Amino acid sequence: LLLQAEMMDLKSRVDGPAQAYVVEARVDRGRGPLATAIVKAGTLVCGQHVVVGAEWGKIRAIRDMLGKSTDRARPAMP
């Protein structure tokens, strides 16, 4: 995937509201509703309100692939 993206010279905007694909969503006993998302364009910021289908909510925390907390998620950030 990375090789193909590099060869095709794919770019994405990082400013403005985020557009993302929700891959998985579930309810965790300790943390509440969780969603795994891939950011397509823009920047996903902690504290921002999001709409997924007919549901909406506020982002309480963003974690990267390693489980470390971060305050924003940009395109191509695992």
Protein backbone atom coordinates (compact mmCIF):
# COMPACT_ATOMS: atom_id res chain seq x y z
CA LEU A 1 0.00 0.00 0.00
CA LEU A 2 2.79 2.42 0.87
CA LEU A 3 4.67 1.60 -2.34
CA GLN A 4 1.58 2.18 -4.45
CA ALA A 5 0.83 5.48 -2.69
CA GLU A 6 4.39 6.65 -3.28
CA MET A 7 4.38 5.63 -6.95
CA MET A 8 1.01 7.32 -7.57
CA ASP A 9 2.18 10.41 -5.61
CA LEU A 10 -1.02 10.51 -3.54
CA LYS A 11 -1.58 13.63 -1.44
CA SER A 12 -4.25 14.61 1.08
CA ARG A 13 -5.20 17.91 2.65
CA VAL A 14 -4.47 18.24 6.39
CA ASP A 15 -6.25 21.51 7.15
CA GLY A 16 -9.97 21.75 7.88
CA PRO A 17 -12.45 19.26 9.31
CA ALA A 18 -11.71 15.56 9.03
CA GLN A 19 -13.36 13.05 6.74
CA ALA A 20 -12.77 9.47 7.80
CA TYR A 21 -13.86 5.87 7.29
CA VAL A 22 -15.07 4.08 10.42
CA VAL A 23 -13.73 0.53 10.22
CA GLU A 24 -15.06 -0.81 13.51
CA ALA A 25 -17.19 0.47 16.38
CA ARG A 26 -18.03 -1.12 19.73
CA VAL A 27 -18.85 -0.31 23.37
CA ASP A 28 -16.13 -1.00 25.93
CA ARG A 29 -17.07 -1.47 29.59
CA GLY A 30 -14.41 0.87 30.97
CA ARG A 31 -14.03 3.42 28.18
CA GLY A 32 -17.50 3.65 26.61
CA PRO A 33 -18.07 3.84 22.85
CA LEU A 34 -14.92 3.15 20.77
CA ALA A 35 -14.39 3.54 17.04
CA THR A 36 -11.49 2.61 14.80
CA ALA A 37 -11.25 5.12 11.96
CA ILE A 38 -8.99 5.87 9.00
CA VAL A 39 -8.68 9.60 8.30
CA LYS A 40 -9.16 10.31 4.60
CA ALA A 41 -8.64 14.09 4.66
CA GLY A 42 -8.33 16.87 7.23
CA THR A 43 -7.34 16.61 10.89
CA LEU A 44 -9.32 14.83 13.61
CA VAL A 45 -8.95 16.84 16.86
CA CYS A 46 -9.71 15.75 20.41
CA GLY A 47 -12.84 17.53 21.71
CA GLN A 48 -14.38 17.81 18.25
CA HIS A 49 -17.93 16.65 17.54
CA VAL A 50 -18.33 13.89 14.93
CA VAL A 51 -21.22 12.44 12.94
CA VAL A 52 -21.25 8.79 11.85
CA GLY A 53 -24.37 7.87 9.92
CA ALA A 54 -27.34 8.94 12.05
CA GLU A 55 -25.30 9.01 15.29
CA TRP A 56 -23.13 11.80 16.70
CA GLY A 57 -20.77 12.28 19.61
CA LYS A 58 -17.73 14.08 20.97
CA ILE A 59 -14.17 12.76 20.71
CA ARG A 60 -12.87 12.22 24.24
CA ALA A 61 -9.49 10.66 23.40
CA ILE A 62 -7.42 9.71 20.37
CA ARG A 63 -4.92 6.86 20.56
CA ASP A 64 -2.36 5.82 17.97
CA MET A 65 -1.54 2.25 16.94
CA LEU A 66 0.80 1.81 19.90
CA GLY A 67 -1.88 2.92 22.37
CA LYS A 68 -0.26 6.26 23.19
CA SER A 69 -2.62 9.19 23.65
CA THR A 70 -2.42 12.04 21.15
CA ASP A 71 -4.43 15.21 20.63
CA ARG A 72 -4.92 14.97 16.85
CA ALA A 73 -4.95 12.46 13.99
CA ARG A 74 -3.93 13.31 10.44
CA PRO A 75 -4.17 11.29 7.22
CA ALA A 76 -1.77 8.33 6.99
CA MET A 77 -1.11 8.42 10.76
CA PRO A 78 -1.39 4.87 12.17
